[in-house]
């Protein structure tokens, strides 16, 4: 063991200024949250007239044009119908 290190340890142990500090007194701190949740409402789009409720499908084939108004609530059925017509 190094003599200098041992001497420093002995001096540090004998020095009363290095003693553990007194226990700190508790302090009340007013902590505010970092995130505040704000309630939000999402507007639901409303249909204003009949055009927004129906989807118009125009199909042209062999010189014939066909127009169909399909309800917007049943678009998956309309997509299946268009697939069958275009085969």
C-alpha atoms as a PDB file:
ATOM      1  CA  UNK A   1       0.000   0.000   0.000  1.00  0.00           C
ATOM      2  CA  UNK A   2       1.221   3.477  -0.827  1.00  0.00           C
ATOM      3  CA  UNK A   3       2.367   5.439   2.269  1.00  0.00           C
ATOM      4  CA  UNK A   4       0.928   8.715   0.985  1.00  0.00           C
ATOM      5  CA  UNK A   5      -2.536   7.244   0.476  1.00  0.00           C
ATOM      6  CA  UNK A   6      -2.528   5.693   3.939  1.00  0.00           C
ATOM      7  CA  UNK A   7      -1.451   9.009   5.545  1.00  0.00           C
ATOM      8  CA  UNK A   8      -4.267  10.866   3.697  1.00  0.00           C
ATOM      9  CA  UNK A   9      -6.829   8.334   4.961  1.00  0.00           C
ATOM     10  CA  UNK A  10      -5.614   8.648   8.543  1.00  0.00           C
ATOM     11  CA  UNK A  11      -5.683  12.453   8.404  1.00  0.00           C
ATOM     12  CA  UNK A  12      -9.144  12.466   6.824  1.00  0.00           C
ATOM     13  CA  UNK A  13     -10.510  10.112   9.508  1.00  0.00           C
ATOM     14  CA  UNK A  14      -9.058  12.268  12.311  1.00  0.00           C
ATOM     15  CA  UNK A  15     -10.379  15.595  10.874  1.00  0.00           C
ATOM     16  CA  UNK A  16     -13.745  16.453  12.556  1.00  0.00           C
ATOM     17  CA  UNK A  17     -14.713  18.841   9.746  1.00  0.00           C
ATOM     18  CA  UNK A  18     -15.306  15.835   7.485  1.00  0.00           C
ATOM     19  CA  UNK A  19     -17.912  14.425   9.847  1.00  0.00           C
ATOM     20  CA  UNK A  20     -21.362  13.722   8.459  1.00  0.00           C
ATOM     21  CA  UNK A  21     -23.457  16.906   8.276  1.00  0.00           C
ATOM     22  CA  UNK A  22     -26.515  17.332  10.482  1.00  0.00           C
ATOM     23  CA  UNK A  23     -29.771  15.996   9.105  1.00  0.00           C
ATOM     24  CA  UNK A  24     -31.414  18.662   6.923  1.00  0.00           C
ATOM     25  CA  UNK A  25     -34.834  19.960   7.918  1.00  0.00           C
ATOM     26  CA  UNK A  26     -37.699  18.995   5.610  1.00  0.00           C
ATOM     27  CA  UNK A  27     -38.880  21.775   3.308  1.00  0.00           C
ATOM     28  CA  UNK A  28     -42.348  21.993   1.786  1.00  0.00           C
ATOM     29  CA  UNK A  29     -42.206  22.659  -1.947  1.00  0.00           C
ATOM     30  CA  UNK A  30     -45.250  23.428  -4.046  1.00  0.00           C
ATOM     31  CA  UNK A  31     -44.825  21.154  -7.080  1.00  0.00           C
ATOM     32  CA  UNK A  32     -47.041  21.658 -10.109  1.00  0.00           C
ATOM     33  CA  UNK A  33     -47.619  18.790 -12.526  1.00  0.00           C
ATOM     34  CA  UNK A  34     -45.672  18.926 -15.773  1.00  0.00           C
ATOM     35  CA  UNK A  35     -48.696  17.843 -17.836  1.00  0.00           C
ATOM     36  CA  UNK A  36     -52.256  18.987 -17.416  1.00  0.00           C
ATOM     37  CA  UNK A  37     -54.909  16.984 -19.258  1.00  0.00           C
ATOM     38  CA  UNK A  38     -57.426  19.225 -20.997  1.00  0.00           C
ATOM     39  CA  UNK A  39     -60.749  17.685 -21.982  1.00  0.00           C
ATOM     40  CA  UNK A  40     -61.429  18.033 -25.700  1.00  0.00           C
ATOM     41  CA  UNK A  41     -64.470  17.320 -27.782  1.00  0.00           C
ATOM     42  CA  UNK A  42     -64.204  16.077 -31.334  1.00  0.00           C
ATOM     43  CA  UNK A  43     -66.812  17.573 -33.648  1.00  0.00           C
ATOM     44  CA  UNK A  44     -68.860  14.980 -35.489  1.00  0.00           C
ATOM     45  CA  UNK A  45     -69.455  16.024 -39.098  1.00  0.00           C
ATOM     46  CA  UNK A  46     -73.127  16.336 -39.904  1.00  0.00           C
ATOM     47  CA  UNK A  47     -74.656  15.815 -43.334  1.00  0.00           C
ATOM     48  CA  UNK A  48     -75.923  19.172 -44.628  1.00  0.00           C
ATOM     49  CA  UNK A  49     -77.866  17.971 -47.630  1.00  0.00           C
ATOM     50  CA  UNK A  50     -78.734  14.848 -49.626  1.00  0.00           C
ATOM     51  CA  UNK A  51     -75.554  15.003 -51.761  1.00  0.00           C
ATOM     52  CA  UNK A  52     -73.365  14.327 -48.738  1.00  0.00           C
ATOM     53  CA  UNK A  53     -75.440  11.338 -47.714  1.00  0.00           C
ATOM     54  CA  UNK A  54     -75.221   9.568 -51.099  1.00  0.00           C
ATOM     55  CA  UNK A  55     -72.235   8.707 -53.277  1.00  0.00           C
ATOM     56  CA  UNK A  56     -72.699   8.986 -57.024  1.00  0.00           C
ATOM     57  CA  UNK A  57     -71.129   6.233 -59.140  1.00  0.00           C
ATOM     58  CA  UNK A  58     -70.897   6.811 -62.927  1.00  0.00           C
ATOM     59  CA  UNK A  59     -69.922   3.841 -65.085  1.00  0.00           C
ATOM     60  CA  UNK A  60     -69.338   4.095 -68.847  1.00  0.00           C
ATOM     61  CA  UNK A  61     -69.071   0.894 -70.841  1.00  0.00           C
ATOM     62  CA  UNK A  62     -69.601   0.164 -74.531  1.00  0.00           C
ATOM     63  CA  UNK A  63     -71.221   3.548 -75.165  1.00  0.00           C
ATOM     64  CA  UNK A  64     -73.640   3.141 -72.253  1.00  0.00           C
ATOM     65  CA  UNK A  65     -73.466   5.366 -69.182  1.00  0.00           C
ATOM     66  CA  UNK A  66     -74.937   4.277 -65.890  1.00  0.00           C
ATOM     67  CA  UNK A  67     -75.265   6.531 -62.820  1.00  0.00           C
ATOM     68  CA  UNK A  68     -76.066   5.159 -59.391  1.00  0.00           C
ATOM     69  CA  UNK A  69     -76.556   7.032 -56.105  1.00  0.00           C
ATOM     70  CA  UNK A  70     -75.305   4.792 -53.321  1.00  0.00           C
ATOM     71  CA  UNK A  71     -75.943   5.492 -49.611  1.00  0.00           C
ATOM     72  CA  UNK A  72     -72.783   6.575 -47.830  1.00  0.00           C
ATOM     73  CA  UNK A  73     -73.499   4.228 -44.923  1.00  0.00           C
ATOM     74  CA  UNK A  74     -73.298   1.186 -47.251  1.00  0.00           C
ATOM     75  CA  UNK A  75     -70.144   1.986 -49.200  1.00  0.00           C
ATOM     76  CA  UNK A  76     -68.613  -1.456 -48.632  1.00  0.00           C
ATOM     77  CA  UNK A  77     -71.636  -3.028 -50.383  1.00  0.00           C
ATOM     78  CA  UNK A  78     -71.314  -0.448 -53.155  1.00  0.00           C
ATOM     79  CA  UNK A  79     -67.648  -1.323 -53.655  1.00  0.00           C
ATOM     80  CA  UNK A  80     -68.541  -5.012 -53.993  1.00  0.00           C
ATOM     81  CA  UNK A  81     -71.288  -4.130 -56.503  1.00  0.00           C
ATOM     82  CA  UNK A  82     -68.907  -2.004 -58.618  1.00  0.00           C
ATOM     83  CA  UNK A  83     -66.361  -4.855 -58.642  1.00  0.00           C
ATOM     84  CA  UNK A  84     -68.995  -7.267 -59.941  1.00  0.00           C
ATOM     85  CA  UNK A  85     -70.248  -4.837 -62.601  1.00  0.00           C
ATOM     86  CA  UNK A  86     -66.755  -4.140 -63.930  1.00  0.00           C
ATOM     87  CA  UNK A  87     -65.833  -7.831 -64.391  1.00  0.00           C
END
